[in-house]
C-alpha atoms as a PDB file:
ATOM      1  CA  MET A   1      97.386 110.494 143.982  1.00  0.00           C
ATOM      2  CA  MET A   2      99.269 111.133 140.744  1.00  0.00           C
ATOM      3  CA  ARG A   3      97.712 113.793 138.532  1.00  0.00           C
ATOM      4  CA  VAL A   4      96.780 112.587 135.042  1.00  0.00           C
ATOM      5  CA  SER A   5      97.545 114.858 132.087  1.00  0.00           C
ATOM      6  CA  ILE A   6      94.690 115.315 129.610  1.00  0.00           C
ATOM      7  CA  ASN A   7      97.285 115.870 126.880  1.00  0.00           C
ATOM      8  CA  ASP A   8      98.889 112.515 127.661  1.00  0.00           C
ATOM      9  CA  LEU A   9      95.494 110.819 127.542  1.00  0.00           C
ATOM     10  CA  TYR A  10      94.743 112.545 124.248  1.00  0.00           C
ATOM     11  CA  ASP A  11      98.001 111.351 122.698  1.00  0.00           C
ATOM     12  CA  ALA A  12      97.504 107.826 124.013  1.00  0.00           C
ATOM     13  CA  TYR A  13      93.854 107.273 123.112  1.00  0.00           C
ATOM     14  CA  LYS A  14      93.020 109.566 120.206  1.00  0.00           C
ATOM     15  CA  PRO A  15      93.958 107.019 117.461  1.00  0.00           C
ATOM     16  CA  LEU A  16      91.818 104.322 119.087  1.00  0.00           C
ATOM     17  CA  LEU A  17      88.828 106.618 119.609  1.00  0.00           C
ATOM     18  CA  ASN A  18      89.090 108.108 116.122  1.00  0.00           C
ATOM     19  CA  GLY A  19      89.095 104.591 114.672  1.00  0.00           C
ATOM     20  CA  ILE A  20      85.968 103.616 116.608  1.00  0.00           C
ATOM     21  CA  ALA A  21      84.141 106.836 115.741  1.00  0.00           C
ATOM     22  CA  TYR A  22      85.025 106.557 112.040  1.00  0.00           C
ATOM     23  CA  ARG A  23      83.808 102.964 111.883  1.00  0.00           C
ATOM     24  CA  MET A  24      80.637 103.971 113.727  1.00  0.00           C
ATOM     25  CA  THR A  25      79.736 107.078 111.710  1.00  0.00           C
ATOM     26  CA  GLY A  26      81.423 106.598 108.326  1.00  0.00           C
ATOM     27  CA  SER A  27      82.479 110.237 108.597  1.00  0.00           C
ATOM     28  CA  LEU A  28      85.970 111.522 109.330  1.00  0.00           C
ATOM     29  CA  THR A  29      84.551 114.927 110.219  1.00  0.00           C
ATOM     30  CA  ASP A  30      82.012 113.538 112.684  1.00  0.00           C
ATOM     31  CA  ALA A  31      84.615 111.175 114.137  1.00  0.00           C
ATOM     32  CA  GLU A  32      86.974 114.065 114.837  1.00  0.00           C
ATOM     33  CA  ASP A  33      84.135 116.063 116.406  1.00  0.00           C
ATOM     34  CA  MET A  34      83.132 113.133 118.627  1.00  0.00           C
ATOM     35  CA  VAL A  35      86.664 112.657 119.927  1.00  0.00           C
ATOM     36  CA  GLN A  36      87.203 116.374 120.534  1.00  0.00           C
ATOM     37  CA  ASP A  37      83.909 116.476 122.429  1.00  0.00           C
ATOM     38  CA  VAL A  38      84.961 113.551 124.609  1.00  0.00           C
ATOM     39  CA  PHE A  39      88.216 115.191 125.645  1.00  0.00           C
ATOM     40  CA  ALA A  40      86.534 118.557 126.172  1.00  0.00           C
ATOM     41  CA  GLU A  41      84.219 116.868 128.685  1.00  0.00           C
ATOM     42  CA  LEU A  42      87.129 114.984 130.206  1.00  0.00           C
ATOM     43  CA  GLU A  43      88.810 118.283 131.045  1.00  0.00           C
ATOM     44  CA  THR A  44      85.919 119.107 133.395  1.00  0.00           C
ATOM     45  CA  MET A  45      86.233 115.822 135.309  1.00  0.00           C
ATOM     46  CA  ARG A  46      88.450 114.388 138.052  1.00  0.00           C
ATOM     47  CA  VAL A  47      90.077 111.877 135.750  1.00  0.00           C
ATOM     48  CA  GLU A  48      92.368 110.452 138.435  1.00  0.00           C
ATOM     49  CA  HIS A  49      89.308 108.726 139.916  1.00  0.00           C
ATOM     50  CA  ILE A  50      88.533 106.842 136.685  1.00  0.00           C
ATOM     51  CA  ARG A  51      89.748 103.265 137.194  1.00  0.00           C
ATOM     52  CA  ASN A  52      89.504 101.964 133.617  1.00  0.00           C
ATOM     53  CA  MET A  53      90.359 104.931 131.425  1.00  0.00           C
ATOM     54  CA  LYS A  54      90.311 103.045 128.111  1.00  0.00           C
ATOM     55  CA  GLY A  55      86.917 101.498 128.790  1.00  0.00           C
ATOM     56  CA  TYR A  56      85.512 104.815 129.989  1.00  0.00           C
ATOM     57  CA  LEU A  57      86.671 106.686 126.880  1.00  0.00           C
ATOM     58  CA  VAL A  58      85.433 103.949 124.529  1.00  0.00           C
ATOM     59  CA  LYS A  59      82.032 104.136 126.227  1.00  0.00           C
ATOM     60  CA  MET A  60      81.931 107.934 125.935  1.00  0.00           C
ATOM     61  CA  VAL A  61      82.736 107.999 122.230  1.00  0.00           C
ATOM     62  CA  THR A  62      80.471 105.041 121.415  1.00  0.00           C
ATOM     63  CA  ASN A  63      77.482 106.661 123.127  1.00  0.00           C
ATOM     64  CA  ARG A  64      78.054 109.910 121.257  1.00  0.00           C
ATOM     65  CA  CYS A  65      78.252 108.036 117.971  1.00  0.00           C
ATOM     66  CA  LEU A  66      75.031 106.169 118.754  1.00  0.00           C
ATOM     67  CA  ASN A  67      73.233 109.444 119.414  1.00  0.00           C
ATOM     68  CA  LEU A  68      74.561 110.930 116.183  1.00  0.00           C
ATOM     69  CA  LEU A  69      73.583 107.882 114.106  1.00  0.00           C
ATOM     70  CA  LYS A  70      70.057 107.873 115.494  1.00  0.00           C
ATOM     71  CA  SER A  71      69.586 111.530 114.576  1.00  0.00           C
ATOM     72  CA  ALA A  72      71.330 111.158 111.195  1.00  0.00           C
ATOM     73  CA  ARG A  73      69.345 108.116 110.030  1.00  0.00           C
ATOM     74  CA  ARG A  74      66.375 110.170 108.822  1.00  0.00           C
ATOM     75  CA  THR A  75      68.677 112.631 107.031  1.00  0.00           C
ATOM     76  CA  ARG A  76      70.444 109.797 105.217  1.00  0.00           C
ATOM     77  CA  GLU A  77      67.118 108.230 104.222  1.00  0.00           C
ATOM     78  CA  VAL A  78      66.155 111.379 102.260  1.00  0.00           C
ATOM     79  CA  TYR A  79      69.689 112.005 100.959  1.00  0.00           C
ATOM     80  CA  THR A  80      69.963 112.785  97.241  1.00  0.00           C
ATOM     81  CA  GLY A  81      71.521 109.735  95.589  1.00  0.00           C
ATOM     82  CA  PRO A  82      73.638 107.104  97.376  1.00  0.00           C
ATOM     83  CA  TRP A  83      75.033 108.093 100.777  1.00  0.00           C
ATOM     84  CA  LEU A  84      78.642 106.913 100.766  1.00  0.00           C
ATOM     85  CA  PRO A  85      81.051 107.047 103.713  1.00  0.00           C
ATOM     86  CA  GLU A  86      83.853 109.596 103.750  1.00  0.00           C
ATOM     87  CA  PRO A  87      86.999 107.836 102.489  1.00  0.00           C
ATOM     88  CA  GLU A  88      90.197 107.924 104.509  1.00  0.00           C
ATOM     89  CA  VAL A  89      92.982 109.267 102.292  1.00  0.00           C
ATOM     90  CA  ARG A  90      96.707 108.907 102.952  1.00  0.00           C
ATOM     91  CA  ASP A  91      99.948 109.310 101.029  1.00  0.00           C
ATOM     92  CA  ALA A  92     100.327 106.491  98.503  1.00  0.00           C
ATOM     93  CA  ALA A  93     103.845 105.732  99.749  1.00  0.00           C
ATOM     94  CA  GLY A  94     104.012 106.397 103.483  1.00  0.00           C
ATOM     95  CA  THR A  95     106.551 105.864 106.249  1.00  0.00           C
ATOM     96  CA  PRO A  96     106.852 102.496 108.037  1.00  0.00           C
ATOM     97  CA  GLU A  97     104.740 103.928 110.865  1.00  0.00           C
ATOM     98  CA  GLU A  98     102.064 105.063 108.411  1.00  0.00           C
ATOM     99  CA  LEU A  99     102.079 101.662 106.716  1.00  0.00           C
ATOM    100  CA  ALA A 100     101.483 100.030 110.101  1.00  0.00           C
ATOM    101  CA  VAL A 101      98.513 102.323 110.732  1.00  0.00           C
ATOM    102  CA  ARG A 102      97.223 101.621 107.218  1.00  0.00           C
ATOM    103  CA  ALA A 103      97.118  97.907 108.007  1.00  0.00           C
ATOM    104  CA  GLU A 104      94.452  98.711 110.608  1.00  0.00           C
ATOM    105  CA  THR A 105      92.384 100.838 108.223  1.00  0.00           C
ATOM    106  CA  ILE A 106      88.865  99.574 107.660  1.00  0.00           C
ATOM    107  CA  SER A 107      88.195  98.578 104.071  1.00  0.00           C
ATOM    108  CA  TYR A 108      85.901 100.919 102.167  1.00  0.00           C
ATOM    109  CA  ALA A 109      83.770  97.976 101.023  1.00  0.00           C
ATOM    110  CA  LEU A 110      83.035  96.982 104.622  1.00  0.00           C
ATOM    111  CA  LEU A 111      82.382 100.598 105.573  1.00  0.00           C
ATOM    112  CA  VAL A 112      79.695 100.708 102.867  1.00  0.00           C
ATOM    113  CA  LEU A 113      78.145  97.459 104.134  1.00  0.00           C
ATOM    114  CA  LEU A 114      78.054  98.764 107.714  1.00  0.00           C
ATOM    115  CA  GLU A 115      75.452 101.297 106.573  1.00  0.00           C
ATOM    116  CA  GLN A 116      72.944  98.415 106.484  1.00  0.00           C
ATOM    117  CA  LEU A 117      73.178  97.926 110.260  1.00  0.00           C
ATOM    118  CA  SER A 118      71.130  99.656 112.932  1.00  0.00           C
ATOM    119  CA  PRO A 119      73.167 101.951 115.219  1.00  0.00           C
ATOM    120  CA  MET A 120      73.215  99.386 118.041  1.00  0.00           C
ATOM    121  CA  GLU A 121      74.075  96.491 115.705  1.00  0.00           C
ATOM    122  CA  ARG A 122      76.893  98.569 114.302  1.00  0.00           C
ATOM    123  CA  ALA A 123      78.257  99.369 117.754  1.00  0.00           C
ATOM    124  CA  VAL A 124      78.232  95.727 118.853  1.00  0.00           C
ATOM    125  CA  PHE A 125      79.749  94.544 115.567  1.00  0.00           C
ATOM    126  CA  ILE A 126      82.608  97.060 115.731  1.00  0.00           C
ATOM    127  CA  LEU A 127      83.369  96.464 119.404  1.00  0.00           C
ATOM    128  CA  ARG A 128      83.397  92.717 118.808  1.00  0.00           C
ATOM    129  CA  GLU A 129      85.159  92.510 115.444  1.00  0.00           C
ATOM    130  CA  SER A 130      87.504  95.485 115.608  1.00  0.00           C
ATOM    131  CA  LEU A 131      88.353  95.708 119.315  1.00  0.00           C
ATOM    132  CA  ASP A 132      87.845  92.009 120.111  1.00  0.00           C
ATOM    133  CA  TYR A 133      85.681  92.858 123.131  1.00  0.00           C
ATOM    134  CA  ASP A 134      83.890  89.915 124.730  1.00  0.00           C
ATOM    135  CA  TYR A 135      80.121  90.049 125.126  1.00  0.00           C
ATOM    136  CA  ARG A 136      80.335  90.789 128.841  1.00  0.00           C
ATOM    137  CA  ASP A 137      82.400  93.929 128.220  1.00  0.00           C
ATOM    138  CA  ILE A 138      80.144  95.018 125.346  1.00  0.00           C
ATOM    139  CA  ALA A 139      77.046  94.478 127.494  1.00  0.00           C
ATOM    140  CA  GLU A 140      78.491  96.571 130.312  1.00  0.00           C
ATOM    141  CA  LEU A 141      79.537  99.319 127.918  1.00  0.00           C
ATOM    142  CA  LEU A 142      76.162  99.530 126.164  1.00  0.00           C
ATOM    143  CA  GLY A 143      73.967  98.814 129.183  1.00  0.00           C
ATOM    144  CA  LYS A 144      72.521  95.618 127.707  1.00  0.00           C
ATOM    145  CA  SER A 145      72.501  91.934 128.587  1.00  0.00           C
ATOM    146  CA  ASN A 146      75.072  89.482 127.266  1.00  0.00           C
ATOM    147  CA  GLU A 147      72.370  87.619 125.348  1.00  0.00           C
ATOM    148  CA  SER A 148      71.087  90.826 123.766  1.00  0.00           C
ATOM    149  CA  CYS A 149      74.595  91.688 122.569  1.00  0.00           C
ATOM    150  CA  ARG A 150      75.031  88.198 121.115  1.00  0.00           C
ATOM    151  CA  LYS A 151      71.803  88.590 119.160  1.00  0.00           C
ATOM    152  CA  LEU A 152      72.762  92.078 117.958  1.00  0.00           C
ATOM    153  CA  HIS A 153      76.136  90.770 116.780  1.00  0.00           C
ATOM    154  CA  SER A 154      74.515  87.800 115.042  1.00  0.00           C
ATOM    155  CA  ARG A 155      71.994  90.046 113.255  1.00  0.00           C
ATOM    156  CA  GLY A 156      74.741  92.425 112.199  1.00  0.00           C
ATOM    157  CA  LYS A 157      76.831  89.582 110.748  1.00  0.00           C
ATOM    158  CA  GLN A 158      73.797  88.203 108.929  1.00  0.00           C
ATOM    159  CA  LYS A 159      73.015  91.586 107.360  1.00  0.00           C
ATOM    160  CA  ILE A 160      76.591  92.061 106.202  1.00  0.00           C
ATOM    161  CA  ASN A 161      76.743  88.538 104.796  1.00  0.00           C
ATOM    162  CA  ARG A 162      73.429  89.091 103.008  1.00  0.00           C
ATOM    163  CA  GLY A 163      74.911  92.240 101.522  1.00  0.00           C
ATOM    164  CA  ARG A 164      77.943  90.314 100.324  1.00  0.00           C
ATOM    165  CA  ILE A 165      75.786  87.510  98.915  1.00  0.00           C
ATOM    166  CA  GLN A 166      73.682  90.077  97.058  1.00  0.00           C
ATOM    167  CA  ARG A 167      76.845  91.615  95.613  1.00  0.00           C
ATOM    168  CA  LYS A 168      77.984  88.143  94.576  1.00  0.00           C
ATOM    169  CA  LYS A 169      74.674  87.574  92.799  1.00  0.00           C
ATOM    170  CA  GLU A 170      75.042  90.892  90.982  1.00  0.00           C
ATOM    171  CA  GLU A 171      78.590  89.995  89.966  1.00  0.00           C
ATOM    172  CA  THR A 172      77.449  86.631  88.566  1.00  0.00           C
ATOM    173  CA  ALA A 173      74.165  87.826  87.068  1.00  0.00           C
ATOM    174  CA  GLY A 174      72.822  85.305  84.598  1.00  0.00           C
ATOM    175  CA  GLU A 175      74.818  82.405  86.023  1.00  0.00           C
ATOM    176  CA  ARG A 176      73.049  79.564  87.847  1.00  0.00           C
ATOM    177  CA  GLU A 177      74.705  78.587  91.076  1.00  0.00           C
ATOM    178  CA  ALA A 178      73.857  77.068  94.434  1.00  0.00           C
ATOM    179  CA  PRO A 179      73.259  79.315  97.464  1.00  0.00           C
ATOM    180  CA  ILE A 180      76.492  80.334  99.119  1.00  0.00           C
ATOM    181  CA  ALA A 181      77.514  81.398 102.606  1.00  0.00           C
ATOM    182  CA  LEU A 182      80.253  83.989 102.568  1.00  0.00           C
ATOM    183  CA  PRO A 183      82.494  84.820 105.526  1.00  0.00           C
ATOM    184  CA  ILE A 184      82.615  88.277 107.031  1.00  0.00           C
ATOM    185  CA  GLU A 185      85.078  90.604 105.324  1.00  0.00           C
ATOM    186  CA  ASP A 186      88.043  91.401 107.491  1.00  0.00           C
ATOM    187  CA  ILE A 187      87.569  94.559 109.519  1.00  0.00           C
ATOM    188  CA  SER A 188      90.843  95.948 108.177  1.00  0.00           C
ATOM    189  CA  ALA A 189      91.674  96.871 104.621  1.00  0.00           C
ATOM    190  CA  ASP A 190      92.522  93.961 102.340  1.00  0.00           C
ATOM    191  CA  SER A 191      95.871  94.408 100.597  1.00  0.00           C
ATOM    192  CA  THR A 192      95.241  91.434  98.278  1.00  0.00           C
ATOM    193  CA  HIS A 193      94.132  93.653  95.418  1.00  0.00           C
ATOM    194  CA  ALA A 194      96.491  96.573  96.046  1.00  0.00           C
ATOM    195  CA  MET A 195      98.521  95.910  92.896  1.00  0.00           C
ATOM    196  CA  GLN A 196      95.392  95.623  90.735  1.00  0.00           C
ATOM    197  CA  ALA A 197      94.010  98.806  92.270  1.00  0.00           C
ATOM    198  CA  GLU A 198      97.191 100.720  91.449  1.00  0.00           C
ATOM    199  CA  VAL A 199      97.177  99.455  87.848  1.00  0.00           C
ATOM    200  CA  LEU A 200      93.531 100.482  87.551  1.00  0.00           C
ATOM    201  CA  ALA A 201      94.202 103.892  89.086  1.00  0.00           C
ATOM    202  CA  ARG A 202      97.075 104.552  86.696  1.00  0.00           C
ATOM    203  CA  SER A 203      94.920 103.487  83.756  1.00  0.00           C
ATOM    204  CA  PHE A 204      92.301 106.012  84.854  1.00  0.00           C
ATOM    205  CA  MET A 205      95.010 108.687  85.093  1.00  0.00           C
ATOM    206  CA  ASN A 206      96.056 107.982  81.516  1.00  0.00           C
ATOM    207  CA  ALA A 207      92.430 108.104  80.410  1.00  0.00           C
ATOM    208  CA  ALA A 208      91.943 111.446  82.145  1.00  0.00           C
ATOM    209  CA  LEU A 209      94.991 112.772  80.309  1.00  0.00           C
ATOM    210  CA  THR A 210      93.989 111.533  76.852  1.00  0.00           C
ATOM    211  CA  GLY A 211      90.200 111.623  77.142  1.00  0.00           C
ATOM    212  CA  ASN A 212      89.982 107.987  76.007  1.00  0.00           C
ATOM    213  CA  PHE A 213      88.451 105.811  78.739  1.00  0.00           C
ATOM    214  CA  GLU A 214      88.085 102.639  76.670  1.00  0.00           C
ATOM    215  CA  PRO A 215      91.333 100.991  77.913  1.00  0.00           C
ATOM    216  CA  PHE A 216      90.323 101.740  81.514  1.00  0.00           C
ATOM    217  CA  VAL A 217      86.793 100.388  81.131  1.00  0.00           C
ATOM    218  CA  ARG A 218      88.073  97.218  79.420  1.00  0.00           C
ATOM    219  CA  MET A 219      89.704  96.367  82.744  1.00  0.00           C
ATOM    220  CA  LEU A 220      86.337  96.398  84.535  1.00  0.00           C
ATOM    221  CA  ALA A 221      83.999  93.448  84.915  1.00  0.00           C
ATOM    222  CA  ASP A 222      81.115  93.602  82.428  1.00  0.00           C
ATOM    223  CA  GLU A 223      78.652  93.930  85.314  1.00  0.00           C
ATOM    224  CA  ALA A 224      80.681  96.603  87.173  1.00  0.00           C
ATOM    225  CA  ARG A 225      78.795  99.381  88.938  1.00  0.00           C
ATOM    226  CA  LEU A 226      79.673 103.029  89.478  1.00  0.00           C
ATOM    227  CA  TYR A 227      78.259 104.710  92.593  1.00  0.00           C
ATOM    228  CA  MET A 228      78.454 108.494  92.911  1.00  0.00           C
ATOM    229  CA  ASP A 229      77.831 110.645  95.979  1.00  0.00           C
ATOM    230  CA  GLY A 230      77.291 114.298  95.136  1.00  0.00           C
ATOM    231  CA  GLY A 231      74.859 114.881  97.982  1.00  0.00           C
ATOM    232  CA  GLY A 232      72.617 116.978  95.748  1.00  0.00           C
ATOM    233  CA  LYS A 233      75.226 119.749  95.891  1.00  0.00           C
ATOM    234  CA  VAL A 234      76.997 119.005  92.613  1.00  0.00           C
ATOM    235  CA  ARG A 235      75.887 117.187  89.474  1.00  0.00           C
ATOM    236  CA  ALA A 236      76.181 113.432  89.952  1.00  0.00           C
ATOM    237  CA  ALA A 237      74.332 110.272  88.994  1.00  0.00           C
ATOM    238  CA  VAL A 238      71.670 109.618  91.645  1.00  0.00           C
ATOM    239  CA  PHE A 239      71.337 105.941  90.694  1.00  0.00           C
ATOM    240  CA  PRO A 240      74.128 103.368  90.228  1.00  0.00           C
ATOM    241  CA  ILE A 241      75.490 103.188  86.684  1.00  0.00           C
ATOM    242  CA  ILE A 242      75.360  99.478  85.892  1.00  0.00           C
ATOM    243  CA  GLY A 243      77.524  97.747  83.297  1.00  0.00           C
ATOM    244  CA  SER A 244      80.885  98.628  81.789  1.00  0.00           C
ATOM    245  CA  ALA A 245      79.288  99.929  78.569  1.00  0.00           C
ATOM    246  CA  ARG A 246      77.202 102.465  80.471  1.00  0.00           C
ATOM    247  CA  ILE A 247      80.139 103.412  82.665  1.00  0.00           C
ATOM    248  CA  LEU A 248      82.181 104.103  79.518  1.00  0.00           C
ATOM    249  CA  ALA A 249      79.419 106.254  78.043  1.00  0.00           C
ATOM    250  CA  PHE A 250      79.147 108.187  81.296  1.00  0.00           C
ATOM    251  CA  LEU A 251      82.892 108.780  81.673  1.00  0.00           C
ATOM    252  CA  GLN A 252      83.308 109.766  78.031  1.00  0.00           C
ATOM    253  CA  GLY A 253      80.389 112.157  78.442  1.00  0.00           C
ATOM    254  CA  ILE A 254      81.736 113.979  81.492  1.00  0.00           C
ATOM    255  CA  ALA A 255      85.444 113.749  80.622  1.00  0.00           C
ATOM    256  CA  PRO A 256      85.705 116.914  78.495  1.00  0.00           C
ATOM    257  CA  LYS A 257      84.304 119.059  81.319  1.00  0.00           C
ATOM    258  CA  SER A 258      85.388 117.326  84.499  1.00  0.00           C
ATOM    259  CA  LEU A 259      88.063 114.665  84.113  1.00  0.00           C
ATOM    260  CA  ARG A 260      90.636 115.980  81.618  1.00  0.00           C
ATOM    261  CA  SER A 261      93.638 116.649  83.841  1.00  0.00           C
ATOM    262  CA  GLN A 262      97.353 115.954  84.066  1.00  0.00           C
ATOM    263  CA  ASN A 263      97.365 116.170  87.858  1.00  0.00           C
ATOM    264  CA  GLN A 264      95.277 113.351  89.264  1.00  0.00           C
ATOM    265  CA  LEU A 265      96.823 112.283  92.563  1.00  0.00           C
ATOM    266  CA  LEU A 266      97.563 108.637  93.269  1.00  0.00           C
ATOM    267  CA  VAL A 267      96.823 108.149  96.979  1.00  0.00           C
ATOM    268  CA  ASN A 268      95.849 105.468  99.453  1.00  0.00           C
ATOM    269  CA  VAL A 269      92.081 105.257 100.015  1.00  0.00           C
ATOM    270  CA  ASN A 270      91.156 103.081 102.992  1.00  0.00           C
ATOM    271  CA  GLY A 271      94.141 100.813 102.534  1.00  0.00           C
ATOM    272  CA  GLN A 272      94.156 100.544  98.733  1.00  0.00           C
ATOM    273  CA  PRO A 273      95.375 102.745  95.869  1.00  0.00           C
ATOM    274  CA  GLY A 274      92.821 105.264  94.666  1.00  0.00           C
ATOM    275  CA  LEU A 275      92.722 108.737  93.162  1.00  0.00           C
ATOM    276  CA  LEU A 276      92.113 112.333  94.076  1.00  0.00           C
ATOM    277  CA  LEU A 277      90.337 113.824  91.064  1.00  0.00           C
ATOM    278  CA  MET A 278      91.583 117.317  90.268  1.00  0.00           C
ATOM    279  CA  ARG A 279      90.137 120.092  88.133  1.00  0.00           C
ATOM    280  CA  ASP A 280      91.993 123.372  87.595  1.00  0.00           C
ATOM    281  CA  GLY A 281      94.215 122.513  90.537  1.00  0.00           C
ATOM    282  CA  GLU A 282      91.274 121.976  92.890  1.00  0.00           C
ATOM    283  CA  LEU A 283      90.022 118.740  94.407  1.00  0.00           C
ATOM    284  CA  PHE A 284      86.581 117.806  93.094  1.00  0.00           C
ATOM    285  CA  GLY A 285      86.345 114.069  93.737  1.00  0.00           C
ATOM    286  CA  ILE A 286      87.768 110.853  95.162  1.00  0.00           C
ATOM    287  CA  LEU A 287      87.727 107.550  93.294  1.00  0.00           C
ATOM    288  CA  SER A 288      88.173 104.132  94.877  1.00  0.00           C
ATOM    289  CA  PHE A 289      87.736 100.578  93.641  1.00  0.00           C
ATOM    290  CA  GLN A 290      86.405  97.262  94.876  1.00  0.00           C
ATOM    291  CA  PHE A 291      87.340  93.840  93.519  1.00  0.00           C
ATOM    292  CA  ASP A 292      85.649  90.451  93.585  1.00  0.00           C
ATOM    293  CA  SER A 293      87.288  87.183  94.620  1.00  0.00           C
ATOM    294  CA  HIS A 294      88.659  86.810  91.074  1.00  0.00           C
ATOM    295  CA  SER A 295      90.398  90.213  91.269  1.00  0.00           C
ATOM    296  CA  ARG A 296      87.939  91.799  88.843  1.00  0.00           C
ATOM    297  CA  PRO A 297      87.013  95.454  89.449  1.00  0.00           C
ATOM    298  CA  VAL A 298      83.270  95.307  90.193  1.00  0.00           C
ATOM    299  CA  ARG A 299      82.591  98.542  92.096  1.00  0.00           C
ATOM    300  CA  LEU A 300      83.726 102.111  91.551  1.00  0.00           C
ATOM    301  CA  TYR A 301      82.968 104.671  94.253  1.00  0.00           C
ATOM    302  CA  MET A 302      83.197 108.346  93.311  1.00  0.00           C
ATOM    303  CA  ILE A 303      82.726 110.955  96.060  1.00  0.00           C
ATOM    304  CA  THR A 304      82.052 114.484  94.797  1.00  0.00           C
ATOM    305  CA  ASN A 305      80.005 115.932  97.674  1.00  0.00           C
ATOM    306  CA  PRO A 306      82.011 119.054  98.660  1.00  0.00           C
ATOM    307  CA  ASP A 307      81.248 118.515 102.361  1.00  0.00           C
ATOM    308  CA  LYS A 308      82.866 115.080 102.276  1.00  0.00           C
ATOM    309  CA  LEU A 309      85.920 116.418 100.452  1.00  0.00           C
ATOM    310  CA  LYS A 310      86.723 119.107 103.026  1.00  0.00           C
ATOM    311  CA  PRO A 311      88.872 116.920 105.322  1.00  0.00           C
ATOM    312  CA  ILE A 312      90.938 115.833 102.318  1.00  0.00           C
ATOM    313  CA  ALA A 313      91.127 119.323 100.828  1.00  0.00           C
ATOM    314  CA  TRP A 314      92.578 120.624 104.090  1.00  0.00           C
ATOM    315  CA  ASN A 315      95.446 118.101 103.814  1.00  0.00           C
ATOM    316  CA  GLN A 316      95.926 118.527 100.084  1.00  0.00           C
ATOM    317  CA  SER A 317      99.226 120.392 100.452  1.00  0.00           C
ATOM    318  CA  GLU A 318     100.689 117.402 102.315  1.00  0.00           C
ATOM    319  CA  LEU A 319      99.270 114.927  99.814  1.00  0.00           C
ATOM    320  CA  SER A 320     100.591 116.931  96.869  1.00  0.00           C
ATOM    321  CA  ASN A 321     104.009 115.423  97.551  1.00  0.00           C
ATOM    322  CA  CYS A 322     102.682 112.171  96.087  1.00  0.00           C
ATOM    323  CA  VAL A 323     101.474 113.622  92.780  1.00  0.00           C
ATOM    324  CA  THR A 324     101.847 110.964  90.104  1.00  0.00           C
ATOM    325  CA  LYS A 325     101.808 112.312  86.581  1.00  0.00           C
ATOM    326  CA  HIS A 326     100.862 110.499  83.391  1.00  0.00           C
ATOM    327  CA  VAL A 327     102.502 107.072  83.275  1.00  0.00           C
ATOM    328  CA  PRO A 328     103.014 105.486  79.839  1.00  0.00           C
END
């Protein structure tokens, strides 16, 4: 019987398992830990006797993620301010290979919506929507019946659609309209608004340089919302800042101390242009944007929790090659 190399398995399956774990946990750090744990256990096993290696590894990482989510749910419920997923940051340009990987990146908007699902609903939704598993395979992997998995998937889709409908209502506040049924957002990042996101990011860079955020805020929808995740470890708004006027007041208020910089980094955040926010040469935040169906910026997500910045800070030297200075 041919001996199977753990290193070969690691190279072959790590991207797949990392993608599943990131979608499941919303944390790059936890995803990396889950995958490392899986392969550490695999080293103690007779892997040549495993008939379906891909299915076995997917089951191992999914079960670990389920256990982590169940234990983390209480922690997230008492979290200071909004709990936002860790963003996935890449070079804004990228090689052809990196661009291909980026096309499979989950959108940050969907990652936020996935937080509304129970751990089991999230697992079924991801296996079905991202990996295109049929219900029989999902049932076998999770130890449930086909019918149970169908119901879990249906409930997960309904919760995500309700979240999208609620966002739509917020975006059209004050307008009377008939009830709407919105389709599920694609599991991968949507490149439709990439150009708008880059224009918005560059406008923010100019504002950070000059201290005048009015031109940037004029690009936002009137009902735009800013969500900040400082985790109670740094100063941050613990409630959403609602409305472009309030967002302007907030940004103008913190700009002199936190945002005045010539070295904001234009990067790719979960498939769309975003920014690494720098202060005195150190990373202190990540900014990403979300657009509505009319290409209006309606959500700003700012991550300043130091724990969630660590994976990006470690790669900052590589990302520094894509520094984009002030653009007239």
